[in-house]
Amino acid sequence: MKIIVMALVGLAFAASPALAANLCIDSRDIVSSKSTDGKTMVFEMKDGTTLVNHLQGYCPDMKFFGFAWDLRSGDTQVCENTQPLHVIQSLEICTLGKFDAPKMESHVSR
């Protein structure tokens, strides 16, 4: 009986979205990034997708100044919920939050 209960508890934890891995993107695949409100950041990717990230907290200087990633030497991955960045002029520290599902840009030719 203990084995069955432990197995069910294990399955519940494995299926929990709160324990799902954070989405990471390669910073070399980002074509552009911008924040117009200090709360979200929009990334245009090389493959044509658009990713929206909901920053942790309010980062007002992001609207006006560029930023730099805080990456370990040789690492090019930026991950939701963990990745800090610095606003260049003000040195404000911001952290990526959760990404929305990727959206593919539709190119309609006329």
N, C-alpha and C. Protein backbone atom coordinates (compact mmCIF):
# COMPACT_ATOMS: atom_id res chain seq x y z
N MET A 1 0.82 -1.19 0.00
CA MET A 1 0.00 0.00 0.00
C MET A 1 0.86 1.26 0.00
N LYS A 2 1.96 1.27 0.78
CA LYS A 2 2.85 2.43 0.83
C LYS A 2 3.44 2.72 -0.54
N ILE A 3 3.79 1.69 -1.27
CA ILE A 3 4.40 1.87 -2.59
C ILE A 3 3.42 2.54 -3.54
N ILE A 4 2.17 2.15 -3.51
CA ILE A 4 1.16 2.74 -4.39
C ILE A 4 0.95 4.21 -4.04
N VAL A 5 0.85 4.54 -2.76
CA VAL A 5 0.66 5.93 -2.33
C VAL A 5 1.87 6.76 -2.74
N MET A 6 3.08 6.26 -2.54
CA MET A 6 4.28 7.00 -2.91
C MET A 6 4.35 7.20 -4.41
N ALA A 7 3.93 6.21 -5.19
CA ALA A 7 3.92 6.33 -6.64
C ALA A 7 2.92 7.39 -7.09
N LEU A 8 1.75 7.42 -6.46
CA LEU A 8 0.75 8.43 -6.81
C LEU A 8 1.22 9.83 -6.44
N VAL A 9 1.87 9.97 -5.30
CA VAL A 9 2.43 11.28 -4.91
C VAL A 9 3.49 11.71 -5.91
N GLY A 10 4.33 10.79 -6.33
CA GLY A 10 5.36 11.09 -7.32
C GLY A 10 4.76 11.54 -8.64
N LEU A 11 3.68 10.90 -9.08
CA LEU A 11 3.01 11.30 -10.31
C LEU A 11 2.38 12.68 -10.17
N ALA A 12 1.84 12.98 -9.03
CA ALA A 12 1.23 14.30 -8.82
C ALA A 12 2.29 15.39 -8.92
N PHE A 13 3.47 15.16 -8.33
CA PHE A 13 4.53 16.15 -8.43
C PHE A 13 5.05 16.28 -9.85
N ALA A 14 5.16 15.20 -10.57
CA ALA A 14 5.66 15.24 -11.94
C ALA A 14 4.70 15.98 -12.85
N ALA A 15 3.41 15.92 -12.59
CA ALA A 15 2.43 16.58 -13.43
C ALA A 15 2.17 18.02 -13.04
N SER A 16 2.71 18.45 -11.93
CA SER A 16 2.46 19.80 -11.43
C SER A 16 3.11 20.85 -12.31
N PRO A 17 2.33 21.83 -12.83
CA PRO A 17 2.91 22.86 -13.66
C PRO A 17 3.87 23.76 -12.88
N ALA A 18 3.69 23.87 -11.57
CA ALA A 18 4.58 24.71 -10.77
C ALA A 18 6.00 24.15 -10.76
N LEU A 19 6.14 22.87 -10.97
CA LEU A 19 7.46 22.25 -10.95
C LEU A 19 8.03 22.05 -12.34
N ALA A 20 7.33 22.54 -13.36
CA ALA A 20 7.81 22.38 -14.73
C ALA A 20 9.08 23.20 -14.92
N ALA A 21 9.92 22.76 -15.84
CA ALA A 21 11.18 23.46 -16.11
C ALA A 21 10.90 24.84 -16.70
N ASN A 22 11.77 25.78 -16.38
CA ASN A 22 11.66 27.11 -16.94
C ASN A 22 12.03 27.10 -18.42
N LEU A 23 11.32 27.89 -19.21
CA LEU A 23 11.62 28.03 -20.63
C LEU A 23 12.89 28.85 -20.77
N CYS A 24 13.83 28.36 -21.55
CA CYS A 24 15.08 29.08 -21.82
C CYS A 24 15.19 29.32 -23.31
N ILE A 25 15.78 30.46 -23.67
CA ILE A 25 16.04 30.77 -25.07
C ILE A 25 17.52 31.12 -25.21
N ASP A 26 18.04 30.91 -26.41
CA ASP A 26 19.43 31.25 -26.68
C ASP A 26 19.50 32.73 -27.03
N SER A 27 20.29 33.49 -26.30
CA SER A 27 20.37 34.94 -26.54
C SER A 27 20.87 35.26 -27.94
N ARG A 28 21.57 34.33 -28.58
CA ARG A 28 22.05 34.55 -29.96
C ARG A 28 20.91 34.49 -30.97
N ASP A 29 19.76 33.95 -30.58
CA ASP A 29 18.60 33.84 -31.47
C ASP A 29 17.65 35.03 -31.37
N ILE A 30 17.96 35.98 -30.49
CA ILE A 30 17.12 37.16 -30.33
C ILE A 30 17.51 38.20 -31.39
N VAL A 31 16.53 38.62 -32.19
CA VAL A 31 16.77 39.65 -33.20
C VAL A 31 16.59 41.04 -32.58
N SER A 32 15.56 41.19 -31.78
CA SER A 32 15.32 42.47 -31.10
C SER A 32 14.53 42.23 -29.82
N SER A 33 14.62 43.22 -28.94
CA SER A 33 13.86 43.16 -27.69
C SER A 33 13.48 44.58 -27.30
N LYS A 34 12.28 44.72 -26.72
CA LYS A 34 11.86 46.05 -26.28
C LYS A 34 10.82 45.91 -25.18
N SER A 35 10.77 46.97 -24.36
CA SER A 35 9.74 47.07 -23.34
C SER A 35 9.15 48.46 -23.43
N THR A 36 7.85 48.54 -23.62
CA THR A 36 7.20 49.85 -23.71
C THR A 36 6.50 50.24 -22.42
N ASP A 37 6.41 49.31 -21.47
CA ASP A 37 5.68 49.61 -20.24
C ASP A 37 6.46 49.29 -18.97
N GLY A 38 7.64 48.71 -19.07
CA GLY A 38 8.42 48.36 -17.90
C GLY A 38 7.92 47.14 -17.16
N LYS A 39 6.89 46.49 -17.71
CA LYS A 39 6.31 45.31 -17.08
C LYS A 39 6.46 44.07 -17.96
N THR A 40 6.51 44.27 -19.26
CA THR A 40 6.68 43.16 -20.20
C THR A 40 7.83 43.48 -21.15
N MET A 41 8.43 42.44 -21.67
CA MET A 41 9.48 42.58 -22.66
C MET A 41 9.12 41.69 -23.84
N VAL A 42 9.20 42.24 -25.05
CA VAL A 42 8.85 41.51 -26.27
C VAL A 42 10.14 41.16 -27.00
N PHE A 43 10.31 39.88 -27.30
CA PHE A 43 11.48 39.40 -28.02
C PHE A 43 11.06 38.93 -29.41
N GLU A 44 11.72 39.44 -30.43
CA GLU A 44 11.55 38.95 -31.81
C GLU A 44 12.71 37.98 -32.04
N MET A 45 12.38 36.77 -32.47
CA MET A 45 13.38 35.72 -32.63
C MET A 45 13.73 35.50 -34.10
N LYS A 46 14.91 34.93 -34.36
CA LYS A 46 15.37 34.65 -35.72
C LYS A 46 14.41 33.77 -36.50
N ASP A 47 13.73 32.86 -35.82
CA ASP A 47 12.83 31.93 -36.52
C ASP A 47 11.46 32.53 -36.81
N GLY A 48 11.28 33.83 -36.51
CA GLY A 48 10.01 34.50 -36.80
C GLY A 48 9.02 34.51 -35.66
N THR A 49 9.34 33.86 -34.56
CA THR A 49 8.41 33.85 -33.43
C THR A 49 8.60 35.11 -32.59
N THR A 50 7.56 35.44 -31.88
CA THR A 50 7.58 36.55 -30.93
C THR A 50 7.31 35.97 -29.55
N LEU A 51 8.15 36.33 -28.60
CA LEU A 51 7.98 35.89 -27.22
C LEU A 51 7.74 37.10 -26.33
N VAL A 52 6.74 37.02 -25.48
CA VAL A 52 6.45 38.07 -24.52
C VAL A 52 6.77 37.54 -23.14
N ASN A 53 7.59 38.32 -22.40
CA ASN A 53 7.95 37.94 -21.04
C ASN A 53 7.37 38.96 -20.07
N HIS A 54 6.78 38.45 -19.00
CA HIS A 54 6.21 39.29 -17.96
C HIS A 54 7.25 39.43 -16.86
N LEU A 55 7.94 40.58 -16.85
CA LEU A 55 9.03 40.81 -15.91
C LEU A 55 8.56 40.66 -14.47
N GLN A 56 9.45 40.21 -13.60
CA GLN A 56 9.14 40.12 -12.17
C GLN A 56 9.25 41.54 -11.62
N GLY A 57 8.14 42.08 -11.21
CA GLY A 57 8.14 43.45 -10.70
C GLY A 57 8.12 44.48 -11.82
N TYR A 58 8.19 45.73 -11.44
CA TYR A 58 8.13 46.85 -12.36
C TYR A 58 9.55 47.35 -12.62
N CYS A 59 9.90 47.54 -13.86
CA CYS A 59 11.24 47.94 -14.27
C CYS A 59 11.11 49.16 -15.19
N PRO A 60 10.78 50.34 -14.63
CA PRO A 60 10.44 51.50 -15.45
C PRO A 60 11.54 52.00 -16.36
N ASP A 61 12.80 51.91 -15.95
CA ASP A 61 13.88 52.42 -16.78
C ASP A 61 14.10 51.59 -18.04
N MET A 62 13.55 50.40 -18.07
CA MET A 62 13.67 49.52 -19.24
C MET A 62 13.08 50.20 -20.48
N LYS A 63 12.10 51.07 -20.29
CA LYS A 63 11.44 51.74 -21.41
C LYS A 63 12.37 52.74 -22.10
N PHE A 64 13.35 53.26 -21.38
CA PHE A 64 14.15 54.37 -21.90
C PHE A 64 15.59 54.02 -22.24
N PHE A 65 16.16 53.04 -21.56
CA PHE A 65 17.58 52.74 -21.71
C PHE A 65 17.77 51.28 -22.13
N GLY A 66 18.90 50.99 -22.73
CA GLY A 66 19.21 49.61 -23.09
C GLY A 66 19.54 48.78 -21.86
N PHE A 67 19.74 47.50 -22.06
CA PHE A 67 20.04 46.61 -20.93
C PHE A 67 21.14 45.64 -21.32
N ALA A 68 21.71 45.01 -20.32
CA ALA A 68 22.73 43.98 -20.53
C ALA A 68 22.34 42.76 -19.71
N TRP A 69 22.52 41.58 -20.31
CA TRP A 69 22.26 40.33 -19.61
C TRP A 69 23.38 40.07 -18.61
N ASP A 70 23.08 39.36 -17.55
CA ASP A 70 24.08 38.85 -16.62
C ASP A 70 24.24 37.37 -16.91
N LEU A 71 25.18 37.03 -17.80
CA LEU A 71 25.38 35.64 -18.20
C LEU A 71 26.74 35.16 -17.72
N ARG A 72 26.79 33.89 -17.32
CA ARG A 72 28.07 33.29 -16.96
C ARG A 72 28.91 33.13 -18.22
N SER A 73 30.19 33.15 -18.08
CA SER A 73 31.11 33.03 -19.20
C SER A 73 30.79 31.80 -20.05
N GLY A 74 30.58 32.01 -21.33
CA GLY A 74 30.30 30.92 -22.25
C GLY A 74 28.84 30.51 -22.32
N ASP A 75 28.00 31.01 -21.42
CA ASP A 75 26.58 30.65 -21.41
C ASP A 75 25.80 31.65 -22.26
N THR A 76 24.94 31.16 -23.11
CA THR A 76 24.13 32.04 -23.96
C THR A 76 22.64 31.89 -23.68
N GLN A 77 22.28 31.04 -22.72
CA GLN A 77 20.88 30.78 -22.40
C GLN A 77 20.33 31.82 -21.42
N VAL A 78 19.13 32.32 -21.71
CA VAL A 78 18.41 33.17 -20.77
C VAL A 78 17.11 32.45 -20.44
N CYS A 79 16.80 32.34 -19.16
CA CYS A 79 15.69 31.52 -18.71
C CYS A 79 14.67 32.34 -17.93
N GLU A 80 13.40 31.99 -18.15
CA GLU A 80 12.33 32.67 -17.43
C GLU A 80 12.46 32.41 -15.94
N ASN A 81 11.99 33.38 -15.15
CA ASN A 81 11.93 33.31 -13.69
C ASN A 81 13.27 33.30 -12.99
N THR A 82 14.38 33.34 -13.72
CA THR A 82 15.68 33.31 -13.06
C THR A 82 16.69 34.31 -13.61
N GLN A 83 16.47 34.80 -14.83
CA GLN A 83 17.50 35.57 -15.52
C GLN A 83 17.49 37.06 -15.16
N PRO A 84 18.56 37.54 -14.50
CA PRO A 84 18.64 38.98 -14.22
C PRO A 84 19.22 39.73 -15.41
N LEU A 85 18.88 41.01 -15.48
CA LEU A 85 19.47 41.90 -16.47
C LEU A 85 19.62 43.27 -15.82
N HIS A 86 20.55 44.07 -16.35
CA HIS A 86 20.80 45.40 -15.80
C HIS A 86 20.46 46.45 -16.84
N VAL A 87 19.71 47.46 -16.43
CA VAL A 87 19.47 48.61 -17.29
C VAL A 87 20.78 49.40 -17.31
N ILE A 88 21.27 49.73 -18.51
CA ILE A 88 22.62 50.27 -18.66
C ILE A 88 22.84 51.59 -17.92
N GLN A 89 22.01 52.59 -18.15
CA GLN A 89 22.28 53.89 -17.56
C GLN A 89 21.95 53.97 -16.07
N SER A 90 20.82 53.40 -15.67
CA SER A 90 20.39 53.53 -14.28
C SER A 90 20.90 52.41 -13.37
N LEU A 91 21.41 51.33 -13.95
CA LEU A 91 21.86 50.14 -13.22
C LEU A 91 20.73 49.43 -12.48
N GLU A 92 19.48 49.75 -12.87
CA GLU A 92 18.33 49.05 -12.30
C GLU A 92 18.45 47.56 -12.62
N ILE A 93 18.17 46.71 -11.66
CA ILE A 93 18.24 45.26 -11.87
C ILE A 93 16.83 44.74 -12.05
N CYS A 94 16.62 44.01 -13.13
CA CYS A 94 15.32 43.43 -13.45
C CYS A 94 15.51 41.93 -13.64
N THR A 95 14.43 41.18 -13.50
CA THR A 95 14.49 39.73 -13.68
C THR A 95 13.36 39.29 -14.59
N LEU A 96 13.71 38.39 -15.53
CA LEU A 96 12.66 37.84 -16.40
C LEU A 96 11.65 37.09 -15.55
N GLY A 97 10.40 37.16 -15.96
CA GLY A 97 9.34 36.38 -15.35
C GLY A 97 8.95 35.26 -16.29
N LYS A 98 7.68 35.00 -16.37
CA LYS A 98 7.14 33.92 -17.19
C LYS A 98 6.96 34.37 -18.63
N PHE A 99 7.29 33.50 -19.58
CA PHE A 99 7.04 33.74 -21.00
C PHE A 99 5.62 33.30 -21.35
N ASP A 100 4.97 34.06 -22.23
CA ASP A 100 3.73 33.59 -22.86
C ASP A 100 4.11 32.54 -23.89
N ALA A 101 3.13 31.80 -24.37
CA ALA A 101 3.38 30.84 -25.45
C ALA A 101 3.90 31.59 -26.68
N PRO A 102 4.88 31.03 -27.39
CA PRO A 102 5.42 31.70 -28.58
C PRO A 102 4.34 31.95 -29.63
N LYS A 103 4.46 33.08 -30.33
CA LYS A 103 3.53 33.40 -31.42
C LYS A 103 4.34 33.50 -32.69
N MET A 104 3.83 32.89 -33.74
CA MET A 104 4.49 32.93 -35.04
C MET A 104 3.96 34.12 -35.81
N GLU A 105 4.87 34.92 -36.36
CA GLU A 105 4.46 36.06 -37.19
C GLU A 105 3.92 35.53 -38.50
N SER A 106 2.78 36.06 -38.92
CA SER A 106 2.23 35.65 -40.20
C SER A 106 2.61 36.69 -41.24
N HIS A 107 3.18 36.22 -42.32
CA HIS A 107 3.59 37.11 -43.42
C HIS A 107 2.64 36.90 -44.57
N VAL A 108 1.79 37.89 -44.78
CA VAL A 108 0.80 37.81 -45.85
C VAL A 108 1.32 38.61 -47.02
N SER A 109 1.45 37.99 -48.17
CA SER A 109 1.89 38.72 -49.37
C SER A 109 0.67 39.17 -50.16
N ARG A 110 0.74 40.37 -50.66
CA ARG A 110 -0.38 40.92 -51.43
C ARG A 110 0.07 41.26 -52.80
